[in-house]
């Protein structure tokens, strides 16, 4: 592959990621999840308990809705369900959305990386 064609291919992959579609975006979301979230959160509903709740079936699930997890009081009292928009706002600044959250302020500052994680989790 020539230098131009490899640069063009990289630009196309980046454009697909930023546009929020296709396998490249899902792969980018998985990589961002693995780097930022997987040390505390599992993707399987039957996964052993970790520091954070499992995130399988997150789309539409009630906030604080993993029955096998001991949530912080602020999440136990939360209402509503997880949507892509709500998860995006949460991941931007968890502590701002739910003050007193045991997770702390582990937000994802980069909007493209955050959106990739949201799309990845909403597709699980």
PDB file of N, CA and C in Angstrom:
ATOM      1  N   UNK A   1       0.855  -1.168   0.000  1.00  0.00           N
ATOM      2  CA  UNK A   1       0.000   0.000   0.000  1.00  0.00           C
ATOM      3  C   UNK A   1       0.899   1.228   0.000  1.00  0.00           C
ATOM      4  N   UNK A   2       0.580   2.197  -0.823  1.00  0.00           N
ATOM      5  CA  UNK A   2       1.381   3.419  -0.878  1.00  0.00           C
ATOM      6  C   UNK A   2       1.110   4.279   0.347  1.00  0.00           C
ATOM      7  N   UNK A   3       1.997   5.257   0.574  1.00  0.00           N
ATOM      8  CA  UNK A   3       1.804   6.154   1.717  1.00  0.00           C
ATOM      9  C   UNK A   3       0.483   6.901   1.575  1.00  0.00           C
ATOM     10  N   UNK A   4       0.137   7.310   0.341  1.00  0.00           N
ATOM     11  CA  UNK A   4      -1.115   8.040   0.152  1.00  0.00           C
ATOM     12  C   UNK A   4      -2.311   7.159   0.448  1.00  0.00           C
ATOM     13  N   UNK A   5      -2.293   5.920  -0.054  1.00  0.00           N
ATOM     14  CA  UNK A   5      -3.461   5.066   0.149  1.00  0.00           C
ATOM     15  C   UNK A   5      -3.614   4.652   1.607  1.00  0.00           C
ATOM     16  N   UNK A   6      -2.512   4.455   2.330  1.00  0.00           N
ATOM     17  CA  UNK A   6      -2.651   4.123   3.740  1.00  0.00           C
ATOM     18  C   UNK A   6      -3.148   5.331   4.525  1.00  0.00           C
ATOM     19  N   UNK A   7      -2.740   6.537   4.137  1.00  0.00           N
ATOM     20  CA  UNK A   7      -3.259   7.743   4.787  1.00  0.00           C
ATOM     21  C   UNK A   7      -4.740   7.915   4.483  1.00  0.00           C
ATOM     22  N   UNK A   8      -5.120   7.651   3.241  1.00  0.00           N
ATOM     23  CA  UNK A   8      -6.526   7.764   2.862  1.00  0.00           C
ATOM     24  C   UNK A   8      -7.367   6.730   3.609  1.00  0.00           C
ATOM     25  N   UNK A   9      -6.864   5.514   3.748  1.00  0.00           N
ATOM     26  CA  UNK A   9      -7.598   4.482   4.483  1.00  0.00           C
ATOM     27  C   UNK A   9      -7.754   4.868   5.944  1.00  0.00           C
ATOM     28  N   UNK A  10      -6.693   5.400   6.538  1.00  0.00           N
ATOM     29  CA  UNK A  10      -6.779   5.842   7.933  1.00  0.00           C
ATOM     30  C   UNK A  10      -7.795   6.963   8.085  1.00  0.00           C
ATOM     31  N   UNK A  11      -7.830   7.877   7.121  1.00  0.00           N
ATOM     32  CA  UNK A  11      -8.795   8.978   7.174  1.00  0.00           C
ATOM     33  C   UNK A  11     -10.221   8.457   7.061  1.00  0.00           C
ATOM     34  N   UNK A  12     -10.446   7.447   6.226  1.00  0.00           N
ATOM     35  CA  UNK A  12     -11.785   6.871   6.103  1.00  0.00           C
ATOM     36  C   UNK A  12     -12.223   6.176   7.386  1.00  0.00           C
ATOM     37  N   UNK A  13     -11.313   5.466   8.034  1.00  0.00           N
ATOM     38  CA  UNK A  13     -11.634   4.801   9.294  1.00  0.00           C
ATOM     39  C   UNK A  13     -11.959   5.844  10.359  1.00  0.00           C
ATOM     40  N   UNK A  14     -11.142   6.897  10.428  1.00  0.00           N
ATOM     41  CA  UNK A  14     -11.399   7.961  11.399  1.00  0.00           C
ATOM     42  C   UNK A  14     -12.744   8.626  11.125  1.00  0.00           C
ATOM     43  N   UNK A  15     -13.061   8.868   9.873  1.00  0.00           N
ATOM     44  CA  UNK A  15     -14.351   9.485   9.536  1.00  0.00           C
ATOM     45  C   UNK A  15     -15.515   8.590   9.955  1.00  0.00           C
ATOM     46  N   UNK A  16     -15.382   7.281   9.765  1.00  0.00           N
ATOM     47  CA  UNK A  16     -16.445   6.358  10.175  1.00  0.00           C
ATOM     48  C   UNK A  16     -16.617   6.363  11.688  1.00  0.00           C
ATOM     49  N   UNK A  17     -15.503   6.420  12.407  1.00  0.00           N
ATOM     50  CA  UNK A  17     -15.576   6.455  13.869  1.00  0.00           C
ATOM     51  C   UNK A  17     -16.272   7.727  14.322  1.00  0.00           C
ATOM     52  N   UNK A  18     -15.860   8.850  13.776  1.00  0.00           N
ATOM     53  CA  UNK A  18     -16.433  10.133  14.186  1.00  0.00           C
ATOM     54  C   UNK A  18     -17.885  10.264  13.769  1.00  0.00           C
ATOM     55  N   UNK A  19     -18.258   9.615  12.673  1.00  0.00           N
ATOM     56  CA  UNK A  19     -19.647   9.659  12.228  1.00  0.00           C
ATOM     57  C   UNK A  19     -20.526   8.751  13.084  1.00  0.00           C
ATOM     58  N   UNK A  20     -19.881   7.877  13.853  1.00  0.00           N
ATOM     59  CA  UNK A  20     -20.640   7.031  14.768  1.00  0.00           C
ATOM     60  C   UNK A  20     -21.280   5.835  14.112  1.00  0.00           C
ATOM     61  N   UNK A  21     -20.656   5.272  13.111  1.00  0.00           N
ATOM     62  CA  UNK A  21     -21.278   4.133  12.483  1.00  0.00           C
ATOM     63  C   UNK A  21     -20.294   3.073  12.083  1.00  0.00           C
ATOM     64  N   UNK A  22     -20.836   1.911  11.821  1.00  0.00           N
ATOM     65  CA  UNK A  22     -20.069   0.830  11.253  1.00  0.00           C
ATOM     66  C   UNK A  22     -19.184   0.096  12.241  1.00  0.00           C
ATOM     67  N   UNK A  23     -18.525  -0.936  11.736  1.00  0.00           N
ATOM     68  CA  UNK A  23     -17.678  -1.768  12.572  1.00  0.00           C
ATOM     69  C   UNK A  23     -16.514  -1.009  13.183  1.00  0.00           C
ATOM     70  N   UNK A  24     -16.000  -0.010  12.480  1.00  0.00           N
ATOM     71  CA  UNK A  24     -14.869   0.748  13.025  1.00  0.00           C
ATOM     72  C   UNK A  24     -15.284   1.457  14.308  1.00  0.00           C
ATOM     73  N   UNK A  25     -16.481   2.024  14.342  1.00  0.00           N
ATOM     74  CA  UNK A  25     -16.952   2.711  15.541  1.00  0.00           C
ATOM     75  C   UNK A  25     -17.142   1.727  16.681  1.00  0.00           C
ATOM     76  N   UNK A  26     -17.680   0.556  16.383  1.00  0.00           N
ATOM     77  CA  UNK A  26     -17.871  -0.458  17.417  1.00  0.00           C
ATOM     78  C   UNK A  26     -16.529  -0.925  17.965  1.00  0.00           C
ATOM     79  N   UNK A  27     -15.567  -1.110  17.081  1.00  0.00           N
ATOM     80  CA  UNK A  27     -14.239  -1.532  17.497  1.00  0.00           C
ATOM     81  C   UNK A  27     -13.588  -0.445  18.346  1.00  0.00           C
ATOM     82  N   UNK A  28     -13.749   0.815  17.958  1.00  0.00           N
ATOM     83  CA  UNK A  28     -13.196   1.924  18.715  1.00  0.00           C
ATOM     84  C   UNK A  28     -13.867   2.006  20.085  1.00  0.00           C
ATOM     85  N   UNK A  29     -15.172   1.808  20.141  1.00  0.00           N
ATOM     86  CA  UNK A  29     -15.895   1.816  21.406  1.00  0.00           C
ATOM     87  C   UNK A  29     -15.437   0.700  22.324  1.00  0.00           C
ATOM     88  N   UNK A  30     -15.203  -0.472  21.770  1.00  0.00           N
ATOM     89  CA  UNK A  30     -14.709  -1.607  22.565  1.00  0.00           C
ATOM     90  C   UNK A  30     -13.332  -1.290  23.123  1.00  0.00           C
ATOM     91  N   UNK A  31     -12.471  -0.706  22.289  1.00  0.00           N
ATOM     92  CA  UNK A  31     -11.120  -0.358  22.744  1.00  0.00           C
ATOM     93  C   UNK A  31     -11.175   0.689  23.857  1.00  0.00           C
ATOM     94  N   UNK A  32     -12.018   1.688  23.698  1.00  0.00           N
ATOM     95  CA  UNK A  32     -12.152   2.728  24.726  1.00  0.00           C
ATOM     96  C   UNK A  32     -12.751   2.135  26.001  1.00  0.00           C
ATOM     97  N   UNK A  33     -13.733   1.255  25.868  1.00  0.00           N
ATOM     98  CA  UNK A  33     -14.321   0.576  27.034  1.00  0.00           C
ATOM     99  C   UNK A  33     -13.250  -0.233  27.754  1.00  0.00           C
ATOM    100  N   UNK A  34     -12.494  -1.016  27.004  1.00  0.00           N
ATOM    101  CA  UNK A  34     -11.450  -1.850  27.606  1.00  0.00           C
ATOM    102  C   UNK A  34     -10.429  -0.993  28.351  1.00  0.00           C
ATOM    103  N   UNK A  35     -10.081   0.148  27.780  1.00  0.00           N
ATOM    104  CA  UNK A  35      -9.075   1.010  28.388  1.00  0.00           C
ATOM    105  C   UNK A  35      -9.597   1.770  29.602  1.00  0.00           C
ATOM    106  N   UNK A  36     -10.866   2.170  29.587  1.00  0.00           N
ATOM    107  CA  UNK A  36     -11.390   3.060  30.627  1.00  0.00           C
ATOM    108  C   UNK A  36     -12.347   2.406  31.615  1.00  0.00           C
ATOM    109  N   UNK A  37     -13.022   1.328  31.232  1.00  0.00           N
ATOM    110  CA  UNK A  37     -14.149   0.841  32.031  1.00  0.00           C
ATOM    111  C   UNK A  37     -14.022  -0.608  32.487  1.00  0.00           C
ATOM    112  N   UNK A  38     -13.340  -1.426  31.700  1.00  0.00           N
ATOM    113  CA  UNK A  38     -13.353  -2.879  31.917  1.00  0.00           C
ATOM    114  C   UNK A  38     -12.701  -3.314  33.222  1.00  0.00           C
ATOM    115  N   UNK A  39     -11.865  -2.484  33.816  1.00  0.00           N
ATOM    116  CA  UNK A  39     -11.245  -2.891  35.075  1.00  0.00           C
ATOM    117  C   UNK A  39     -12.270  -2.960  36.207  1.00  0.00           C
ATOM    118  N   UNK A  40     -13.401  -2.271  36.057  1.00  0.00           N
ATOM    119  CA  UNK A  40     -14.452  -2.285  37.099  1.00  0.00           C
ATOM    120  C   UNK A  40     -15.774  -2.877  36.628  1.00  0.00           C
ATOM    121  N   UNK A  41     -16.041  -2.847  35.324  1.00  0.00           N
ATOM    122  CA  UNK A  41     -17.341  -3.250  34.795  1.00  0.00           C
ATOM    123  C   UNK A  41     -17.198  -4.416  33.822  1.00  0.00           C
ATOM    124  N   UNK A  42     -18.017  -5.448  34.032  1.00  0.00           N
ATOM    125  CA  UNK A  42     -18.067  -6.586  33.122  1.00  0.00           C
ATOM    126  C   UNK A  42     -19.194  -6.372  32.120  1.00  0.00           C
ATOM    127  N   UNK A  43     -19.121  -7.071  31.014  1.00  0.00           N
ATOM    128  CA  UNK A  43     -20.158  -6.977  29.989  1.00  0.00           C
ATOM    129  C   UNK A  43     -21.160  -8.125  30.058  1.00  0.00           C
ATOM    130  N   UNK A  44     -20.862  -9.143  30.816  1.00  0.00           N
ATOM    131  CA  UNK A  44     -21.762 -10.292  30.921  1.00  0.00           C
ATOM    132  C   UNK A  44     -22.626 -10.223  32.167  1.00  0.00           C
ATOM    133  N   UNK A  45     -23.914 -10.475  32.010  1.00  0.00           N
ATOM    134  CA  UNK A  45     -24.839 -10.418  33.138  1.00  0.00           C
ATOM    135  C   UNK A  45     -24.486 -11.437  34.215  1.00  0.00           C
ATOM    136  N   UNK A  46     -23.854 -12.536  33.831  1.00  0.00           N
ATOM    137  CA  UNK A  46     -23.507 -13.566  34.805  1.00  0.00           C
ATOM    138  C   UNK A  46     -22.051 -13.461  35.257  1.00  0.00           C
ATOM    139  N   UNK A  47     -21.379 -12.381  34.894  1.00  0.00           N
ATOM    140  CA  UNK A  47     -19.980 -12.195  35.277  1.00  0.00           C
ATOM    141  C   UNK A  47     -19.878 -12.001  36.787  1.00  0.00           C
ATOM    142  N   UNK A  48     -18.756 -12.393  37.369  1.00  0.00           N
ATOM    143  CA  UNK A  48     -18.585 -12.204  38.804  1.00  0.00           C
ATOM    144  C   UNK A  48     -18.675 -10.714  39.163  1.00  0.00           C
ATOM    145  N   UNK A  49     -19.111 -10.446  40.374  1.00  0.00           N
ATOM    146  CA  UNK A  49     -19.218  -9.062  40.829  1.00  0.00           C
ATOM    147  C   UNK A  49     -17.846  -8.401  40.829  1.00  0.00           C
ATOM    148  N   UNK A  50     -17.829  -7.159  40.439  1.00  0.00           N
ATOM    149  CA  UNK A  50     -16.605  -6.374  40.453  1.00  0.00           C
ATOM    150  C   UNK A  50     -16.867  -5.093  41.218  1.00  0.00           C
ATOM    151  N   UNK A  51     -15.957  -4.138  41.133  1.00  0.00           N
ATOM    152  CA  UNK A  51     -16.169  -2.860  41.802  1.00  0.00           C
ATOM    153  C   UNK A  51     -17.373  -2.091  41.243  1.00  0.00           C
ATOM    154  N   UNK A  52     -17.720  -2.371  39.992  1.00  0.00           N
ATOM    155  CA  UNK A  52     -18.869  -1.724  39.361  1.00  0.00           C
ATOM    156  C   UNK A  52     -19.863  -2.758  38.869  1.00  0.00           C
ATOM    157  N   UNK A  53     -21.098  -2.336  38.587  1.00  0.00           N
ATOM    158  CA  UNK A  53     -22.109  -3.287  38.089  1.00  0.00           C
ATOM    159  C   UNK A  53     -21.780  -3.766  36.677  1.00  0.00           C
ATOM    160  N   UNK A  54     -22.344  -4.910  36.306  1.00  0.00           N
ATOM    161  CA  UNK A  54     -22.183  -5.375  34.926  1.00  0.00           C
ATOM    162  C   UNK A  54     -22.952  -4.415  34.012  1.00  0.00           C
ATOM    163  N   UNK A  55     -22.536  -4.341  32.782  1.00  0.00           N
ATOM    164  CA  UNK A  55     -23.156  -3.399  31.851  1.00  0.00           C
ATOM    165  C   UNK A  55     -23.850  -4.091  30.684  1.00  0.00           C
ATOM    166  N   UNK A  56     -24.089  -5.382  30.790  1.00  0.00           N
ATOM    167  CA  UNK A  56     -24.843  -6.095  29.762  1.00  0.00           C
ATOM    168  C   UNK A  56     -26.290  -5.629  29.802  1.00  0.00           C
ATOM    169  N   UNK A  57     -26.884  -5.414  28.657  1.00  0.00           N
ATOM    170  CA  UNK A  57     -28.288  -5.019  28.596  1.00  0.00           C
ATOM    171  C   UNK A  57     -28.558  -3.652  29.189  1.00  0.00           C
ATOM    172  N   UNK A  58     -27.617  -2.747  29.049  1.00  0.00           N
ATOM    173  CA  UNK A  58     -27.750  -1.420  29.655  1.00  0.00           C
ATOM    174  C   UNK A  58     -28.844  -0.582  29.002  1.00  0.00           C
ATOM    175  N   UNK A  59     -29.017  -0.709  27.693  1.00  0.00           N
ATOM    176  CA  UNK A  59     -30.035   0.081  26.983  1.00  0.00           C
ATOM    177  C   UNK A  59     -31.414  -0.187  27.586  1.00  0.00           C
ATOM    178  N   UNK A  60     -32.035   0.874  28.076  1.00  0.00           N
ATOM    179  CA  UNK A  60     -33.375   0.771  28.624  1.00  0.00           C
ATOM    180  C   UNK A  60     -33.448   0.275  30.059  1.00  0.00           C
ATOM    181  N   UNK A  61     -32.308  -0.159  30.599  1.00  0.00           N
ATOM    182  CA  UNK A  61     -32.304  -0.647  31.981  1.00  0.00           C
ATOM    183  C   UNK A  61     -32.482   0.527  32.939  1.00  0.00           C
ATOM    184  N   UNK A  62     -33.177   0.289  34.025  1.00  0.00           N
ATOM    185  CA  UNK A  62     -33.355   1.316  35.047  1.00  0.00           C
ATOM    186  C   UNK A  62     -31.992   1.713  35.607  1.00  0.00           C
ATOM    187  N   UNK A  63     -31.786   3.007  35.842  1.00  0.00           N
ATOM    188  CA  UNK A  63     -30.565   3.480  36.486  1.00  0.00           C
ATOM    189  C   UNK A  63     -30.500   2.816  37.856  1.00  0.00           C
ATOM    190  N   UNK A  64     -29.342   2.240  38.174  1.00  0.00           N
ATOM    191  CA  UNK A  64     -29.221   1.493  39.426  1.00  0.00           C
ATOM    192  C   UNK A  64     -29.976   0.187  39.383  1.00  0.00           C
ATOM    193  N   UNK A  65     -30.116  -0.395  38.190  1.00  0.00           N
ATOM    194  CA  UNK A  65     -30.999  -1.532  38.010  1.00  0.00           C
ATOM    195  C   UNK A  65     -30.380  -2.906  37.957  1.00  0.00           C
ATOM    196  N   UNK A  66     -29.110  -3.057  38.273  1.00  0.00           N
ATOM    197  CA  UNK A  66     -28.524  -4.396  38.335  1.00  0.00           C
ATOM    198  C   UNK A  66     -28.845  -4.951  39.718  1.00  0.00           C
ATOM    199  N   UNK A  67     -29.744  -5.934  39.808  1.00  0.00           N
ATOM    200  CA  UNK A  67     -30.173  -6.419  41.119  1.00  0.00           C
ATOM    201  C   UNK A  67     -29.051  -7.059  41.925  1.00  0.00           C
ATOM    202  N   UNK A  68     -27.969  -7.449  41.295  1.00  0.00           N
ATOM    203  CA  UNK A  68     -26.867  -8.088  42.000  1.00  0.00           C
ATOM    204  C   UNK A  68     -25.788  -7.125  42.449  1.00  0.00           C
ATOM    205  N   UNK A  69     -26.032  -5.819  42.341  1.00  0.00           N
ATOM    206  CA  UNK A  69     -24.993  -4.854  42.695  1.00  0.00           C
ATOM    207  C   UNK A  69     -25.470  -3.916  43.800  1.00  0.00           C
ATOM    208  N   UNK A  70     -24.587  -3.609  44.726  1.00  0.00           N
ATOM    209  CA  UNK A  70     -24.885  -2.707  45.838  1.00  0.00           C
ATOM    210  C   UNK A  70     -24.495  -1.278  45.429  1.00  0.00           C
ATOM    211  N   UNK A  71     -25.460  -0.540  44.894  1.00  0.00           N
ATOM    212  CA  UNK A  71     -25.217   0.814  44.400  1.00  0.00           C
ATOM    213  C   UNK A  71     -25.077   1.817  45.538  1.00  0.00           C
ATOM    214  N   UNK A  72     -24.441   2.935  45.236  1.00  0.00           N
ATOM    215  CA  UNK A  72     -24.385   4.049  46.167  1.00  0.00           C
ATOM    216  C   UNK A  72     -25.808   4.579  46.379  1.00  0.00           C
ATOM    217  N   UNK A  73     -26.073   5.200  47.513  1.00  0.00           N
ATOM    218  CA  UNK A  73     -27.428   5.693  47.789  1.00  0.00           C
ATOM    219  C   UNK A  73     -27.987   6.594  46.682  1.00  0.00           C
ATOM    220  N   UNK A  74     -27.164   7.423  46.093  1.00  0.00           N
ATOM    221  CA  UNK A  74     -27.654   8.332  45.052  1.00  0.00           C
ATOM    222  C   UNK A  74     -28.157   7.559  43.833  1.00  0.00           C
ATOM    223  N   UNK A  75     -27.534   6.444  43.511  1.00  0.00           N
ATOM    224  CA  UNK A  75     -28.011   5.650  42.374  1.00  0.00           C
ATOM    225  C   UNK A  75     -29.200   4.780  42.754  1.00  0.00           C
ATOM    226  N   UNK A  76     -29.249   4.330  43.982  1.00  0.00           N
ATOM    227  CA  UNK A  76     -30.432   3.579  44.418  1.00  0.00           C
ATOM    228  C   UNK A  76     -31.676   4.463  44.373  1.00  0.00           C
ATOM    229  N   UNK A  77     -31.498   5.769  44.615  1.00  0.00           N
ATOM    230  CA  UNK A  77     -32.622   6.708  44.619  1.00  0.00           C
ATOM    231  C   UNK A  77     -32.925   7.281  43.235  1.00  0.00           C
ATOM    232  N   UNK A  78     -32.057   7.028  42.264  1.00  0.00           N
ATOM    233  CA  UNK A  78     -32.234   7.600  40.919  1.00  0.00           C
ATOM    234  C   UNK A  78     -33.462   7.006  40.244  1.00  0.00           C
ATOM    235  N   UNK A  79     -34.038   7.787  39.361  1.00  0.00           N
ATOM    236  CA  UNK A  79     -35.178   7.328  38.572  1.00  0.00           C
ATOM    237  C   UNK A  79     -34.803   7.372  37.099  1.00  0.00           C
ATOM    238  N   UNK A  80     -35.588   6.698  36.293  1.00  0.00           N
ATOM    239  CA  UNK A  80     -35.369   6.718  34.857  1.00  0.00           C
ATOM    240  C   UNK A  80     -34.549   5.539  34.380  1.00  0.00           C
ATOM    241  N   UNK A  81     -34.411   5.472  33.074  1.00  0.00           N
ATOM    242  CA  UNK A  81     -33.705   4.382  32.413  1.00  0.00           C
ATOM    243  C   UNK A  81     -32.539   4.925  31.615  1.00  0.00           C
ATOM    244  N   UNK A  82     -31.613   4.014  31.304  1.00  0.00           N
ATOM    245  CA  UNK A  82     -30.453   4.407  30.501  1.00  0.00           C
ATOM    246  C   UNK A  82     -30.824   4.506  29.028  1.00  0.00           C
ATOM    247  N   UNK A  83     -30.553   5.651  28.459  1.00  0.00           N
ATOM    248  CA  UNK A  83     -30.647   5.894  27.020  1.00  0.00           C
ATOM    249  C   UNK A  83     -29.268   6.314  26.560  1.00  0.00           C
ATOM    250  N   UNK A  84     -29.060   6.378  25.265  1.00  0.00           N
ATOM    251  CA  UNK A  84     -27.770   6.815  24.740  1.00  0.00           C
ATOM    252  C   UNK A  84     -27.458   8.235  25.200  1.00  0.00           C
ATOM    253  N   UNK A  85     -28.430   9.136  25.138  1.00  0.00           N
ATOM    254  CA  UNK A  85     -28.182  10.520  25.550  1.00  0.00           C
ATOM    255  C   UNK A  85     -27.868  10.613  27.036  1.00  0.00           C
ATOM    256  N   UNK A  86     -28.608   9.878  27.846  1.00  0.00           N
ATOM    257  CA  UNK A  86     -28.370   9.923  29.294  1.00  0.00           C
ATOM    258  C   UNK A  86     -27.008   9.343  29.635  1.00  0.00           C
ATOM    259  N   UNK A  87     -26.629   8.252  28.988  1.00  0.00           N
ATOM    260  CA  UNK A  87     -25.327   7.648  29.225  1.00  0.00           C
ATOM    261  C   UNK A  87     -24.208   8.585  28.780  1.00  0.00           C
ATOM    262  N   UNK A  88     -24.407   9.273  27.667  1.00  0.00           N
ATOM    263  CA  UNK A  88     -23.401  10.228  27.197  1.00  0.00           C
ATOM    264  C   UNK A  88     -23.194  11.339  28.232  1.00  0.00           C
ATOM    265  N   UNK A  89     -24.281  11.879  28.758  1.00  0.00           N
ATOM    266  CA  UNK A  89     -24.174  12.926  29.788  1.00  0.00           C
ATOM    267  C   UNK A  89     -23.492  12.381  31.039  1.00  0.00           C
ATOM    268  N   UNK A  90     -23.857  11.159  31.426  1.00  0.00           N
ATOM    269  CA  UNK A  90     -23.255  10.528  32.599  1.00  0.00           C
ATOM    270  C   UNK A  90     -21.754  10.345  32.422  1.00  0.00           C
ATOM    271  N   UNK A  91     -21.355   9.793  31.287  1.00  0.00           N
ATOM    272  CA  UNK A  91     -19.935   9.518  31.068  1.00  0.00           C
ATOM    273  C   UNK A  91     -19.108  10.791  30.917  1.00  0.00           C
ATOM    274  N   UNK A  92     -19.745  11.889  30.562  1.00  0.00           N
ATOM    275  CA  UNK A  92     -19.020  13.167  30.492  1.00  0.00           C
ATOM    276  C   UNK A  92     -18.568  13.596  31.882  1.00  0.00           C
ATOM    277  N   UNK A  93     -19.423  13.424  32.893  1.00  0.00           N
ATOM    278  CA  UNK A  93     -19.077  13.808  34.269  1.00  0.00           C
ATOM    279  C   UNK A  93     -20.017  13.094  35.234  1.00  0.00           C
ATOM    280  N   UNK A  94     -19.684  11.852  35.604  1.00  0.00           N
ATOM    281  CA  UNK A  94     -20.569  11.067  36.468  1.00  0.00           C
ATOM    282  C   UNK A  94     -20.903  11.765  37.793  1.00  0.00           C
ATOM    283  N   UNK A  95     -19.923  12.393  38.390  1.00  0.00           N
ATOM    284  CA  UNK A  95     -20.119  13.029  39.690  1.00  0.00           C
ATOM    285  C   UNK A  95     -21.049  14.236  39.596  1.00  0.00           C
ATOM    286  N   UNK A  96     -21.014  14.936  38.474  1.00  0.00           N
ATOM    287  CA  UNK A  96     -21.926  16.063  38.303  1.00  0.00           C
ATOM    288  C   UNK A  96     -23.364  15.584  38.164  1.00  0.00           C
ATOM    289  N   UNK A  97     -23.546  14.490  37.449  1.00  0.00           N
ATOM    290  CA  UNK A  97     -24.892  13.972  37.231  1.00  0.00           C
ATOM    291  C   UNK A  97     -25.471  13.351  38.496  1.00  0.00           C
ATOM    292  N   UNK A  98     -24.634  12.658  39.251  1.00  0.00           N
ATOM    293  CA  UNK A  98     -25.064  11.989  40.476  1.00  0.00           C
ATOM    294  C   UNK A  98     -24.074  12.303  41.601  1.00  0.00           C
ATOM    295  N   UNK A  99     -24.193  13.484  42.220  1.00  0.00           N
ATOM    296  CA  UNK A  99     -23.268  13.839  43.310  1.00  0.00           C
ATOM    297  C   UNK A  99     -23.312  12.795  44.432  1.00  0.00           C
ATOM    298  N   UNK A 100     -22.137  12.397  44.885  1.00  0.00           N
ATOM    299  CA  UNK A 100     -22.042  11.377  45.919  1.00  0.00           C
ATOM    300  C   UNK A 100     -21.873   9.977  45.363  1.00  0.00           C
ATOM    301  N   UNK A 101     -21.819   9.858  44.066  1.00  0.00           N
ATOM    302  CA  UNK A 101     -21.632   8.574  43.386  1.00  0.00           C
ATOM    303  C   UNK A 101     -20.334   7.923  43.851  1.00  0.00           C
ATOM    304  N   UNK A 102     -20.376   6.654  44.181  1.00  0.00           N
ATOM    305  CA  UNK A 102     -19.169   5.958  44.616  1.00  0.00           C
ATOM    306  C   UNK A 102     -18.153   5.799  43.494  1.00  0.00           C
ATOM    307  N   UNK A 103     -18.596   5.870  42.250  1.00  0.00           N
ATOM    308  CA  UNK A 103     -17.686   5.721  41.117  1.00  0.00           C
ATOM    309  C   UNK A 103     -16.695   6.876  41.051  1.00  0.00           C
ATOM    310  N   UNK A 104     -17.074   8.006  41.547  1.00  0.00           N
ATOM    311  CA  UNK A 104     -16.195   9.174  41.482  1.00  0.00           C
ATOM    312  C   UNK A 104     -16.321   9.873  40.147  1.00  0.00           C
ATOM    313  N   UNK A 105     -15.404  10.746  39.877  1.00  0.00           N
ATOM    314  CA  UNK A 105     -15.457  11.568  38.672  1.00  0.00           C
ATOM    315  C   UNK A 105     -14.625  11.016  37.541  1.00  0.00           C
ATOM    316  N   UNK A 106     -14.853   9.788  37.170  1.00  0.00           N
ATOM    317  CA  UNK A 106     -14.082   9.146  36.096  1.00  0.00           C
ATOM    318  C   UNK A 106     -14.708   9.381  34.733  1.00  0.00           C
ATOM    319  N   UNK A 107     -14.942  10.637  34.381  1.00  0.00           N
ATOM    320  CA  UNK A 107     -15.574  10.943  33.108  1.00  0.00           C
ATOM    321  C   UNK A 107     -14.650  10.738  31.924  1.00  0.00           C
ATOM    322  N   UNK A 108     -15.244  10.699  30.760  1.00  0.00           N
ATOM    323  CA  UNK A 108     -14.492  10.604  29.498  1.00  0.00           C
ATOM    324  C   UNK A 108     -14.613  11.964  28.822  1.00  0.00           C
ATOM    325  N   UNK A 109     -13.542  12.725  28.837  1.00  0.00           N
ATOM    326  CA  UNK A 109     -13.554  14.095  28.323  1.00  0.00           C
ATOM    327  C   UNK A 109     -13.710  14.180  26.813  1.00  0.00           C
ATOM    328  N   UNK A 110     -13.080  13.261  26.100  1.00  0.00           N
ATOM    329  CA  UNK A 110     -13.090  13.321  24.635  1.00  0.00           C
ATOM    330  C   UNK A 110     -14.464  12.917  24.104  1.00  0.00           C
ATOM    331  N   UNK A 111     -15.187  13.851  23.455  1.00  0.00           N
ATOM    332  CA  UNK A 111     -16.545  13.532  22.980  1.00  0.00           C
ATOM    333  C   UNK A 111     -16.603  12.350  22.012  1.00  0.00           C
ATOM    334  N   UNK A 112     -15.609  12.213  21.134  1.00  0.00           N
ATOM    335  CA  UNK A 112     -15.629  11.108  20.171  1.00  0.00           C
ATOM    336  C   UNK A 112     -15.430   9.766  20.878  1.00  0.00           C
ATOM    337  N   UNK A 113     -14.507   9.711  21.822  1.00  0.00           N
ATOM    338  CA  UNK A 113     -14.284   8.471  22.573  1.00  0.00           C
ATOM    339  C   UNK A 113     -15.507   8.146  23.423  1.00  0.00           C
ATOM    340  N   UNK A 114     -16.090   9.165  24.036  1.00  0.00           N
ATOM    341  CA  UNK A 114     -17.278   8.946  24.870  1.00  0.00           C
ATOM    342  C   UNK A 114     -18.427   8.417  24.023  1.00  0.00           C
ATOM    343  N   UNK A 115     -18.651   9.018  22.870  1.00  0.00           N
ATOM    344  CA  UNK A 115     -19.737   8.574  21.995  1.00  0.00           C
ATOM    345  C   UNK A 115     -19.501   7.139  21.521  1.00  0.00           C
ATOM    346  N   UNK A 116     -18.236   6.795  21.259  1.00  0.00           N
ATOM    347  CA  UNK A 116     -17.918   5.429  20.839  1.00  0.00           C
ATOM    348  C   UNK A 116     -18.252   4.437  21.947  1.00  0.00           C
ATOM    349  N   UNK A 117     -17.938   4.778  23.197  1.00  0.00           N
ATOM    350  CA  UNK A 117     -18.269   3.897  24.323  1.00  0.00           C
ATOM    351  C   UNK A 117     -19.784   3.777  24.461  1.00  0.00           C
ATOM    352  N   UNK A 118     -20.481   4.897  24.331  1.00  0.00           N
ATOM    353  CA  UNK A 118     -21.947   4.878  24.436  1.00  0.00           C
ATOM    354  C   UNK A 118     -22.534   3.955  23.375  1.00  0.00           C
ATOM    355  N   UNK A 119     -22.114   4.109  22.139  1.00  0.00           N
ATOM    356  CA  UNK A 119     -22.650   3.280  21.055  1.00  0.00           C
ATOM    357  C   UNK A 119     -22.314   1.807  21.279  1.00  0.00           C
ATOM    358  N   UNK A 120     -21.116   1.546  21.756  1.00  0.00           N
ATOM    359  CA  UNK A 120     -20.718   0.168  22.052  1.00  0.00           C
ATOM    360  C   UNK A 120     -21.619  -0.431  23.135  1.00  0.00           C
ATOM    361  N   UNK A 121     -21.803   0.296  24.242  1.00  0.00           N
ATOM    362  CA  UNK A 121     -22.616  -0.236  25.341  1.00  0.00           C
ATOM    363  C   UNK A 121     -24.097  -0.339  24.969  1.00  0.00           C
ATOM    364  N   UNK A 122     -24.589   0.569  24.185  1.00  0.00           N
ATOM    365  CA  UNK A 122     -25.999   0.531  23.793  1.00  0.00           C
ATOM    366  C   UNK A 122     -26.274  -0.615  22.810  1.00  0.00           C
ATOM    367  N   UNK A 123     -25.238  -1.141  22.195  1.00  0.00           N
ATOM    368  CA  UNK A 123     -25.414  -2.240  21.231  1.00  0.00           C
ATOM    369  C   UNK A 123     -25.281  -3.604  21.895  1.00  0.00           C
ATOM    370  N   UNK A 124     -24.950  -3.661  23.161  1.00  0.00           N
ATOM    371  CA  UNK A 124     -24.703  -4.938  23.866  1.00  0.00           C
ATOM    372  C   UNK A 124     -25.994  -5.510  24.398  1.00  0.00           C
TER     373      UNK A 124
END
